Every structure is written in structure tokens, then in C-alpha cells.
Protein backbone atom coordinates (compact mmCIF):
# COMPACT_ATOMS: atom_id res chain seq x y z
CA MET A 1 120.15 142.18 74.95
CA PHE A 2 119.41 141.27 78.40
CA GLY A 3 115.66 141.81 78.17
CA VAL A 4 115.40 138.98 75.39
CA GLY A 5 117.51 136.47 77.58
CA CYS A 6 115.68 136.79 80.76
CA GLY A 7 112.07 136.66 78.08
CA VAL A 8 113.73 133.13 77.12
CA LYS A 9 114.76 132.20 80.81
CA ILE A 10 110.88 132.77 81.55
CA ARG A 11 109.58 131.12 79.00
CA ILE A 12 111.79 128.14 79.79
CA VAL A 13 110.89 127.92 83.56
CA HIS A 14 107.49 128.06 82.64
CA SER A 15 107.63 125.22 80.05
CA ILE A 16 108.89 122.99 83.01
CA GLN A 17 106.43 123.84 85.06
CA TYR A 18 103.78 122.87 82.58
CA PHE A 19 105.62 119.58 81.83
CA TYR A 20 106.40 118.40 85.55
CA ARG A 21 105.37 114.61 85.32
CA MET A 22 105.14 113.15 88.87
CA LYS A 23 106.72 109.53 88.59
CA ILE A 24 104.99 106.74 90.23
CA LEU A 25 106.05 102.97 90.74
CA HIS A 26 104.10 100.12 90.64
CA THR A 27 105.30 96.84 92.02
CA ALA A 28 103.56 94.04 93.59
CA ASP A 29 103.40 90.17 94.86
CA TRP A 30 106.94 90.38 96.58
CA HIS A 31 106.52 87.08 98.72
CA LEU A 32 109.07 87.14 101.23
CA GLY A 33 109.85 84.27 103.19
CA ILE A 34 108.59 81.84 99.78
CA LYS A 35 110.74 79.01 99.34
CA LEU A 36 111.18 77.29 95.69
CA HIS A 37 111.16 73.25 96.38
CA LYS A 38 112.48 74.24 100.19
CA LYS A 39 115.13 76.48 98.81
CA ASP A 40 115.01 80.16 100.52
CA LEU A 41 114.99 82.73 97.76
CA ALA A 42 115.99 85.74 99.89
CA GLU A 43 119.18 86.31 98.05
CA ASP A 44 116.89 86.64 94.96
CA HIS A 45 114.78 89.55 96.91
CA LYS A 46 118.16 91.00 98.67
CA ILE A 47 119.56 91.90 95.14
CA PHE A 48 115.69 92.71 93.49
CA PHE A 49 115.78 95.75 96.69
CA LYS A 50 119.45 97.05 95.55
CA TRP A 51 117.94 97.41 92.41
CA LEU A 52 114.72 98.73 92.79
CA ILE A 53 116.26 101.22 95.27
CA ASN A 54 118.73 102.50 92.56
CA LEU A 55 115.92 102.69 89.92
CA ILE A 56 113.85 104.92 92.40
CA VAL A 57 116.69 107.10 92.84
CA GLU A 58 118.02 107.36 89.15
CA ARG A 59 114.67 107.79 87.63
CA GLY A 60 113.58 110.30 90.44
CA ILE A 61 110.36 108.61 91.60
CA GLU A 62 107.99 110.17 94.24
CA ALA A 63 106.20 107.00 95.16
CA LEU A 64 105.99 103.91 95.30
CA LEU A 65 102.63 101.76 95.00
CA ILE A 66 102.98 97.63 96.14
CA SER A 67 99.57 96.36 95.48
CA GLY A 68 99.64 93.49 98.20
CA ASP A 69 101.57 89.86 99.24
CA ILE A 70 104.19 91.50 100.54
CA PHE A 71 105.05 88.25 102.36
CA GLU A 72 104.46 84.27 101.78
CA HIS A 73 102.69 83.79 105.01
CA ALA A 74 100.47 85.16 107.53
CA ASN A 75 103.15 84.59 109.98
CA PRO A 76 106.27 85.69 108.46
CA THR A 77 109.37 84.33 109.54
CA SER A 78 111.90 86.57 111.44
CA GLU A 79 114.15 86.68 108.29
CA ALA A 80 111.24 87.64 105.98
CA ARG A 81 110.32 90.65 108.38
CA GLN A 82 113.91 91.12 108.93
CA LEU A 83 114.34 91.51 104.58
CA TYR A 84 110.83 94.11 104.62
CA TYR A 85 112.07 95.96 107.24
CA SER A 86 115.69 96.43 105.83
CA PHE A 87 114.48 97.91 102.35
CA LEU A 88 111.94 100.16 104.23
CA ARG A 89 114.90 102.11 106.44
CA GLN A 90 117.20 102.29 102.96
CA LEU A 91 113.98 104.65 101.80
CA ILE A 92 114.31 106.53 104.30
CA HIS A 93 116.80 108.83 102.87
CA VAL A 94 115.52 108.54 99.00
CA LYS A 95 112.30 110.83 100.24
CA CYS A 96 109.98 108.05 98.05
CA LYS A 97 106.39 107.92 100.02
CA VAL A 98 105.34 104.34 99.91
CA ILE A 99 101.80 102.89 99.77
CA ILE A 100 101.68 99.54 100.82
CA THR A 101 98.32 97.17 100.92
CA ALA A 102 98.01 93.71 102.07
CA GLY A 103 97.18 90.69 100.12
CA ASN A 104 95.49 87.60 100.15
CA HIS A 105 98.79 86.30 101.75
CA ASP A 106 98.92 88.68 104.08
CA SER A 107 97.96 89.40 107.87
CA PRO A 108 96.40 92.30 108.06
CA ALA A 109 97.64 92.66 112.01
CA VAL A 110 101.51 92.22 111.14
CA LEU A 111 101.25 95.08 108.48
CA ASN A 112 99.35 97.16 110.45
CA GLY A 113 101.35 96.50 113.86
CA PRO A 114 103.96 99.53 113.14
CA LYS A 115 101.76 101.46 111.01
CA ASP A 116 101.33 104.48 113.16
CA ILE A 117 105.26 104.46 113.52
CA LEU A 118 105.74 103.92 109.67
CA ALA A 119 103.56 106.59 108.83
CA LEU A 120 106.45 109.09 110.17
CA LEU A 121 108.50 107.50 107.90
CA ASN A 122 106.47 108.24 104.78
CA ILE A 123 104.76 104.74 104.65
CA HIS A 124 101.33 104.25 104.42
CA ILE A 125 99.84 101.00 104.93
CA ALA A 126 96.55 99.87 103.97
CA ALA A 127 96.10 96.43 105.74
CA SER A 128 92.49 96.30 106.28
CA ILE A 129 89.21 98.54 105.23
CA PRO A 130 89.45 101.30 107.66
CA SER A 131 86.21 103.02 109.52
CA SER A 132 85.99 105.71 106.92
CA ASN A 133 86.56 106.03 103.21
CA GLU A 134 88.71 109.43 103.99
CA GLU A 135 91.64 106.80 105.45
CA SER A 136 91.66 105.13 102.18
CA VAL A 137 92.55 108.03 99.99
CA ILE A 138 96.24 109.49 100.13
CA GLU A 139 97.61 112.20 98.20
CA LEU A 140 100.87 112.53 96.19
CA LYS A 141 101.55 116.19 96.45
CA ASN A 142 103.96 117.59 93.86
CA LYS A 143 107.35 119.65 94.64
CA LYS A 144 105.19 122.49 95.58
CA GLY A 145 103.17 120.87 97.78
CA GLU A 146 100.47 120.61 95.54
CA THR A 147 98.02 117.56 94.99
CA GLU A 148 99.14 115.84 91.81
CA CYS A 149 97.12 112.76 92.34
CA VAL A 150 95.78 110.51 94.83
CA VAL A 151 95.51 106.86 95.57
CA CYS A 152 92.72 104.85 96.62
CA ALA A 153 94.79 102.30 98.73
CA VAL A 154 92.17 99.38 98.54
CA PRO A 155 93.52 96.10 100.33
CA TYR A 156 92.18 92.20 99.30
CA LEU A 157 88.97 92.09 100.21
CA ARG A 158 87.64 89.36 102.06
CA ASP A 159 84.20 88.22 102.68
CA ALA A 160 83.44 89.93 105.84
CA ASP A 161 84.75 93.17 104.67
CA ILE A 162 81.94 93.41 101.95
CA ARG A 163 78.81 91.14 102.39
CA MET A 164 76.57 89.66 104.82
CA ALA A 165 76.50 86.19 105.16
CA MET A 166 73.00 84.65 104.77
CA GLU A 167 71.83 81.85 105.63
CA GLY A 168 70.86 79.15 103.26
CA GLU A 169 72.49 80.65 100.50
CA THR A 170 74.76 78.18 97.93
CA TYR A 171 78.34 78.84 97.26
CA LYS A 172 77.19 80.00 93.79
CA ASN A 173 75.44 82.65 95.78
CA ARG A 174 78.13 83.73 97.71
CA VAL A 175 80.37 84.04 95.19
CA GLU A 176 77.94 86.12 92.82
CA HIS A 177 77.60 88.39 96.48
CA LYS A 178 81.41 88.89 96.81
CA PHE A 179 81.71 89.99 93.29
CA LEU A 180 78.95 92.79 93.38
CA GLY A 181 80.48 93.77 97.12
CA MET A 182 84.02 94.15 95.47
CA LYS A 183 82.52 96.21 92.43
CA THR A 184 80.30 98.41 94.72
CA TYR A 185 83.23 98.89 97.40
CA PHE A 186 86.19 100.15 94.64
CA GLU A 187 83.06 102.59 92.88
CA THR A 188 82.55 104.40 96.41
CA ILE A 189 86.21 104.59 97.63
CA VAL A 190 86.96 105.94 94.12
CA ASN A 191 83.53 108.17 93.72
CA TYR A 192 84.56 109.63 97.37
CA ALA A 193 87.99 110.30 96.06
CA SER A 194 86.46 111.69 92.99
CA GLN A 195 84.02 113.85 94.59
CA LYS A 196 86.47 115.50 97.80
CA TYR A 197 89.50 116.18 94.74
CA GLY A 198 87.33 117.22 91.80
CA GLU A 199 87.82 116.08 88.15
CA ASN A 200 91.79 118.00 87.85
CA ILE A 201 93.30 115.30 90.14
CA PRO A 202 93.84 111.87 88.55
CA VAL A 203 92.41 108.69 90.74
CA ILE A 204 94.54 105.45 90.98
CA LEU A 205 93.21 102.86 92.25
CA MET A 206 95.26 100.17 94.04
CA GLY A 207 93.46 96.36 94.39
CA HIS A 208 94.59 92.74 94.81
CA LEU A 209 92.38 90.21 92.68
CA PHE A 210 91.93 87.88 90.27
CA THR A 211 90.59 89.27 86.98
CA SER A 212 89.16 87.40 84.19
CA GLY A 213 91.17 86.55 81.12
CA VAL A 214 94.44 86.52 82.83
CA THR A 215 97.16 84.20 82.79
CA VAL A 216 98.41 82.73 85.81
CA SER A 217 101.37 80.36 86.66
CA ASP A 218 102.20 77.60 88.79
CA SER A 219 102.73 79.85 92.41
CA GLU A 220 99.50 81.34 92.42
CA ARG A 221 96.81 79.64 95.07
CA ASP A 222 93.37 80.66 94.16
CA ILE A 223 90.14 79.77 92.87
CA GLN A 224 89.31 79.79 89.37
CA ARG A 225 86.38 78.41 89.26
CA GLY A 226 82.62 79.34 90.73
CA GLY A 227 82.66 83.01 89.52
CA LEU A 228 85.69 84.44 91.22
CA GLU A 229 87.07 85.15 87.90
CA MET A 230 84.04 87.43 86.28
CA PHE A 231 85.47 90.09 87.18
CA SER A 232 86.67 92.07 84.17
CA ALA A 233 88.15 95.30 82.98
CA ASN A 234 84.93 96.47 82.62
CA ASP A 235 84.12 96.15 86.05
CA PHE A 236 86.23 99.45 87.73
CA PRO A 237 85.21 102.26 88.02
CA LYS A 238 85.21 104.69 85.08
CA ASN A 239 86.80 107.23 86.41
CA CYS A 240 90.05 105.87 87.63
CA LYS A 241 93.60 106.83 85.12
CA TYR A 242 95.36 104.03 86.50
CA ILE A 243 94.73 100.36 88.54
CA ALA A 244 97.80 99.07 89.95
CA LEU A 245 96.80 95.37 90.95
CA GLY A 246 98.41 92.54 92.67
CA HIS A 247 97.77 89.01 92.59
CA ILE A 248 98.86 87.65 89.35
CA HIS A 249 102.34 86.92 89.02
CA LYS A 250 102.50 87.33 85.10
CA PRO A 251 102.52 90.70 84.47
CA GLN A 252 100.27 91.65 81.94
CA ARG A 253 97.12 93.93 81.27
CA VAL A 254 93.72 93.65 81.97
CA GLY A 255 91.43 93.59 78.88
CA ASN A 256 94.68 94.83 76.90
CA SER A 257 93.91 98.20 78.68
CA GLU A 258 97.77 100.32 79.27
CA THR A 259 96.38 101.51 82.58
CA ILE A 260 94.77 98.27 83.86
CA ARG A 261 98.07 96.34 85.04
CA TYR A 262 99.48 93.38 86.65
CA SER A 263 102.95 94.54 87.23
CA GLY A 264 103.55 90.55 88.64
CA SER A 265 105.94 88.87 90.96
CA PRO A 266 109.49 90.43 90.73
CA ILE A 267 111.64 87.39 90.94
CA PRO A 268 110.28 84.15 89.62
CA LEU A 269 108.43 81.85 92.05
CA SER A 270 107.77 79.01 90.48
CA PHE A 271 109.61 76.94 87.16
CA SER A 272 106.42 77.88 85.24
CA GLU A 273 107.53 81.29 85.63
CA LYS A 274 111.25 80.82 84.42
CA ASN A 275 110.82 82.39 80.94
CA ASP A 276 108.80 85.59 82.73
CA LYS A 277 110.38 88.78 82.22
CA LYS A 278 109.85 90.41 85.39
CA ILE A 279 108.91 94.25 85.37
CA ALA A 280 108.31 97.45 87.59
CA LEU A 281 105.89 99.90 86.18
CA GLU A 282 106.25 103.60 85.87
CA LEU A 283 103.65 105.99 85.53
CA LYS A 284 104.20 109.23 84.56
CA VAL A 285 101.20 111.79 85.96
CA SER A 286 100.17 115.22 84.67
CA ASN A 287 97.39 117.11 83.28
CA ASN A 288 94.94 114.94 84.96
CA CYS A 289 96.19 111.75 82.93
CA ILE A 290 98.96 109.43 82.63
CA GLN A 291 101.03 110.55 80.46
CA GLN A 292 103.10 107.64 79.92
CA VAL A 293 103.72 104.04 81.41
CA LEU A 294 107.03 102.69 81.35
CA VAL A 295 108.00 99.14 81.69
CA HIS A 296 111.63 98.45 83.19
CA GLU A 297 112.78 95.31 82.75
CA ILE A 298 114.10 93.81 86.22
CA PRO A 299 117.49 91.46 85.82
CA PRO A 300 117.12 88.18 86.38
CA ALA A 301 119.30 87.42 89.80
CA ARG A 302 119.00 83.43 89.09
CA THR A 303 118.17 81.06 86.32
CA LEU A 304 115.44 78.79 86.52
CA ARG A 305 116.44 76.11 83.61
CA ARG A 306 114.70 73.33 82.95
CA PHE A 307 117.12 70.39 81.21
CA SER A 308 114.83 67.80 79.10
CA GLY A 309 115.27 64.72 77.21
CA SER A 310 116.78 60.98 77.83
CA PHE A 311 118.73 60.44 81.36
CA LYS A 312 121.90 60.43 79.51
CA ASP A 313 121.44 63.47 77.55
CA VAL A 314 120.35 65.57 80.92
CA GLN A 315 123.56 64.21 82.63
CA LYS A 316 125.39 65.31 79.93
CA ASN A 317 123.93 69.41 79.70
CA ILE A 318 123.87 69.72 83.39
CA LYS A 319 127.14 69.14 83.70
CA ALA A 320 128.08 71.10 80.96
CA PHE A 321 126.07 74.06 81.89
CA LYS A 322 128.03 77.54 82.76
CA ASN A 323 126.32 80.02 84.80
CA ASP A 324 126.21 83.50 83.94
CA LYS A 325 123.88 84.97 87.13
CA ASP A 326 124.93 86.67 90.40
CA LEU A 327 123.12 83.27 92.22
CA LYS A 328 123.34 79.55 91.37
CA CYS A 329 120.98 78.18 88.65
CA PHE A 330 118.12 76.24 90.15
CA ALA A 331 117.22 73.60 87.85
CA GLU A 332 114.29 70.88 87.34
CA LEU A 333 115.04 67.64 85.46
CA GLU A 334 112.54 66.31 82.92
CA ILE A 335 113.50 62.56 82.28
CA ILE A 336 111.79 61.56 78.87
CA GLU A 337 112.50 57.69 77.58
CA LYS A 338 110.41 55.25 75.08
CA ASN A 339 109.63 52.95 78.25
CA HIS A 340 109.66 52.62 81.56
CA ASP A 341 112.59 51.37 83.12
CA SER A 342 112.65 50.12 87.12
CA SER A 343 116.27 51.36 87.47
CA LEU A 344 115.71 54.54 86.10
CA THR A 345 114.32 56.15 89.88
CA VAL A 346 117.32 54.64 91.22
CA ASN A 347 119.84 55.80 88.84
CA LEU A 348 118.71 59.24 88.69
CA HIS A 349 118.40 59.73 92.75
CA LYS A 350 122.04 58.44 92.90
CA PHE A 351 123.05 60.81 90.35
CA ILE A 352 121.52 63.71 92.16
CA THR A 353 122.38 63.02 95.44
CA GLU A 354 125.99 62.67 93.76
CA PHE A 355 125.78 65.49 91.59
CA GLU A 356 128.47 68.74 92.81
CA SER A 357 128.32 72.31 90.47
CA ASP A 358 129.29 75.81 91.56
CA ASP A 359 126.60 76.53 88.53
CA VAL A 360 123.66 75.07 89.20
CA GLU A 361 121.40 72.95 91.78
CA ILE A 362 119.10 70.66 91.05
CA LEU A 363 115.50 71.00 92.95
CA SER A 364 113.28 68.72 91.42
CA TYR A 365 112.77 65.82 88.72
CA LYS A 366 110.02 64.28 86.71
CA PHE A 367 109.07 61.34 84.18
CA LYS A 368 107.66 61.58 81.14
CA PHE A 369 107.36 58.10 79.31
CA ILE A 370 106.73 57.87 75.61
CA ASN A 371 104.87 54.36 75.76
CA LYS A 372 102.08 53.50 77.75
CA THR A 373 102.96 53.25 81.01
CA PRO A 374 101.56 51.47 84.45
CA ASP A 375 98.89 53.26 86.43
CA PHE A 376 101.48 53.68 89.11
CA TYR A 377 103.33 55.70 87.35
CA GLN A 378 101.04 57.73 85.66
CA LEU A 379 101.62 61.25 87.31
CA HIS A 380 105.09 61.08 85.60
CA ALA A 381 103.86 60.33 82.37
CA GLU A 382 101.71 63.12 82.60
CA ASN A 383 104.70 65.20 83.00
CA LYS A 384 103.90 65.99 86.70
CA ASN A 385 105.09 64.79 90.28
CA ILE A 386 102.50 64.79 92.87
CA GLU A 387 103.87 67.59 94.84
CA ASP A 388 103.24 69.86 91.84
CA LEU A 389 99.96 69.34 91.53
CA THR A 390 97.48 71.48 93.30
CA PRO A 391 94.87 70.37 95.69
CA LYS A 392 92.36 70.86 93.04
CA GLU A 393 94.45 68.76 90.60
CA ILE A 394 94.42 65.90 92.87
CA LEU A 395 90.59 65.93 93.75
CA LEU A 396 90.02 65.89 89.88
CA LYS A 397 92.60 63.22 88.84
CA LYS A 398 91.06 61.10 92.02
CA LEU A 399 87.57 61.64 90.95
CA GLU A 400 88.63 60.60 87.46
CA THR A 401 89.49 57.19 88.89
CA GLU A 402 86.27 56.86 90.83
CA GLU A 403 83.11 55.97 89.44
CA VAL A 404 80.92 58.81 90.35
CA GLU A 405 78.02 60.04 88.47
CA GLU A 406 78.42 63.38 87.11
CA ASP A 407 75.87 65.29 89.19
CA LYS A 408 77.42 63.91 92.39
CA LYS A 409 80.92 65.02 90.99
CA ASN A 410 79.60 68.54 90.17
CA LEU A 411 78.41 68.49 94.06
CA ILE A 412 82.09 67.41 95.39
CA ILE A 413 84.08 69.81 93.49
CA GLU A 414 81.61 72.59 94.40
CA ALA A 415 81.80 71.40 98.37
CA PHE A 416 85.88 71.47 98.00
CA ASP A 417 85.89 74.87 96.36
CA GLU A 418 83.76 76.21 99.01
CA LEU A 419 86.22 74.41 101.57
CA LEU A 420 89.71 75.72 99.66
CA HIS A 421 87.64 79.22 99.67
CA GLU A 422 87.06 79.26 103.35
CA MET A 423 90.73 78.34 103.95
CA VAL A 424 92.24 80.87 101.62
CA GLU A 425 89.72 83.76 103.35
CA ASN A 426 91.30 82.86 106.53
CA ASP A 427 94.71 82.29 105.87
């Protein structure tokens, strides 16, 4: 009888070992320090961090991947840095390895500053291209101390990282060369990891870039013309088991792939994201593959709400609104009227100035007139405030009003794209 019992017990132990799965969490694009129409989102991030730590503990997450854009600005405020280090401090007792890569908003110097100290706390920082491929590959060990999988931690790749400048090259050539450089770099790092650890150890790639076919929001600052959008799912190394991407704030798959994904930002960063379901992605790794990708929906701490209709209806609806979230609702007003009324702006400004509520705060407004309006109000008629337009959209609107030949217009746009690209690279 005892022997039978032992036999059963042995089989159970073997079963547990065989089905052991390492749990990894993928997130990105925190943008600590960001403001929405001048309103700080620090409290939103604090609530997200509390939820994230609880998830890591409850799910037994063994590694956390953060794929770039930790901060909104290259030189973060002291408040943003405090948020960052406070979160990392809380993870010390959780025993979860953290791998952080830099995004285009991040300063490599800022992230790399405490790199050696954070490494002692099981936090790996990949903010710039290292001197050797070995430094980009991080082992993830299971509870028995064996290497379960490896992560190729690649930060945002700038021109200087992956290509040599050539005299006389066009902007189009520059973009094409950068595209090829990115592809080659990813392949080099992943191939190095595969050769070093063998086929039985799965490889995960972290990247921060824009890929073709993705849906963007208003909060992304990127150039989507001239070839940067050429990077597709087929351009990533084929010997990756999962590709953890950052840069796009709407969570989504690339090329409908289950294993090439953007986690998206954890909180809404613009009103265009007000209806997005924010998520974190849990990977279960075993037997040389990603066995499962689980989606954990992040509970919204705040509602972003658009109140749309006539001025009278908007006033009525916003006064009746009742908040059911931890933080006060942020609102944008869309006033829709048949005809332009010069007194409307004054009346709306007076209403916003005098409006007080514990449930909702008005951050922005816009007009939309059904009938034709004077050119002066054209931006409002098109459902846009000038502060909501990107620099590229302002340029295009200006060119629409000028008599510029088509070939010259294209040259102006290309020159603008090149200047904006250089600005983003050197941000």
C-alpha cells in the first residue's frame, strides 16, 4: 500500500516538473512625467504600479519586461524619477527580475546612471548599444537555477547606432539604410543568442520601434512617412519565440501574430485612447516555446470622457455626470451647432471658468459647425484645435492654403520630415 502511494507521489512530482512554466510579464510606454493638457498623471501611474505589483505577486511573475519610454522627457522631473525609483524599490522583496530597455523618449545617460547599482537588485538596464553582443543577452533562470529562456534586450535604435552617414545621401536613402540596419542588428543579436544557448532555449526579443500596419493614437510622436513604416512582422528574426515591442500606445498584434505584440501604454495618454482597454501581457514559457499569452486588463483609474452635442446639451450632461473611478474624470467638450455664433466662445469660456465639480474636470474643448463657417473658424469646423494638431498636420494645412507646385510641395514635406526625424533622434 505504501509503495503504491509513493509511486503516485513520484508521478505527481514528475508531472509538476514537466509542466513547469516560467511566467514573464510584458509592458511598455509608461511615459512617467507626462501631462494631459497640462494635467499631471502621476496619480494614475501610482495606481497602475500598485496594481502591477499585486499582479506580479498573485501570478508568480518571475521576470518583468519594460520595452522602452519609461519617461516622457529625456530629462525627467524629480517627481517622475521618484515614481520610477519608488516602483523599483517596491519590487526588491518580490524577487522578480526586471529588464528595462530605453525608448526614443528616454535618455540613455539617465537610465544608465544607476545601472551597476540596480544590477545588484536583479534589475537589468539596456539603455544604449553595448560594446559586445553578450551584454544584450540576459538569461532567465528557473527555480532550479537552469536557464529557461534568454532575452535580447534591444533599446531604441538611433541612426548613429546602426549606420554610417554618407555624403550626399537623400532622406529616402537614410531611412532605407536605417531600416536595413535595424533588421541586421536584430538578426545579429538573436543569432548570437541562439548559437550560444542552442535550439532548446527560447529567445525573446525586446524592441522599441514603429512597424507597418499598426494603429496609432494622438499621443505618439513619430514620423510615419518616408519608409519608417516599412518594418513589418516578416522583418523580425524568425528564430524568436516572442517579440516584446514598445512605442505604440494601443495594444495590438503585429501582422496578426500572437507572439509579436505591442503591450501598449498602461494608462490613456491622450483622449484618442479613451476607449482603449489597457493591458499587460503574461507569457508562459516551457519546452522551448511560448505555451500561452495571457491578457491582463488594467483597471482604469480614471475616465476620459468626451461630452458632445449642442452647448445647452453639453452643459446639462456634464453637470449630471457621476464619476465611478478612483480619480476625477477628465473631460473634453465638443460643441456642435448649426451655425457659427460669435458669442459662443465667450459663453463657453465663462461656463468652463465657473464650472466646479467633484466628479469631472474640463481639460479642453472644440467647436464643430454644421453649416459652412468663415476661414477663421475652419480649424474648429474640422473638429480640431490648433493645440491638438501635430506639427506635420499644421504644415499640410498651411500648404493647402498656399499656391505651391506639387513637386515643390513634396520637397518641402520631405525636408520637414528630415528635420523632424533629426529632432526626434536627438531629443
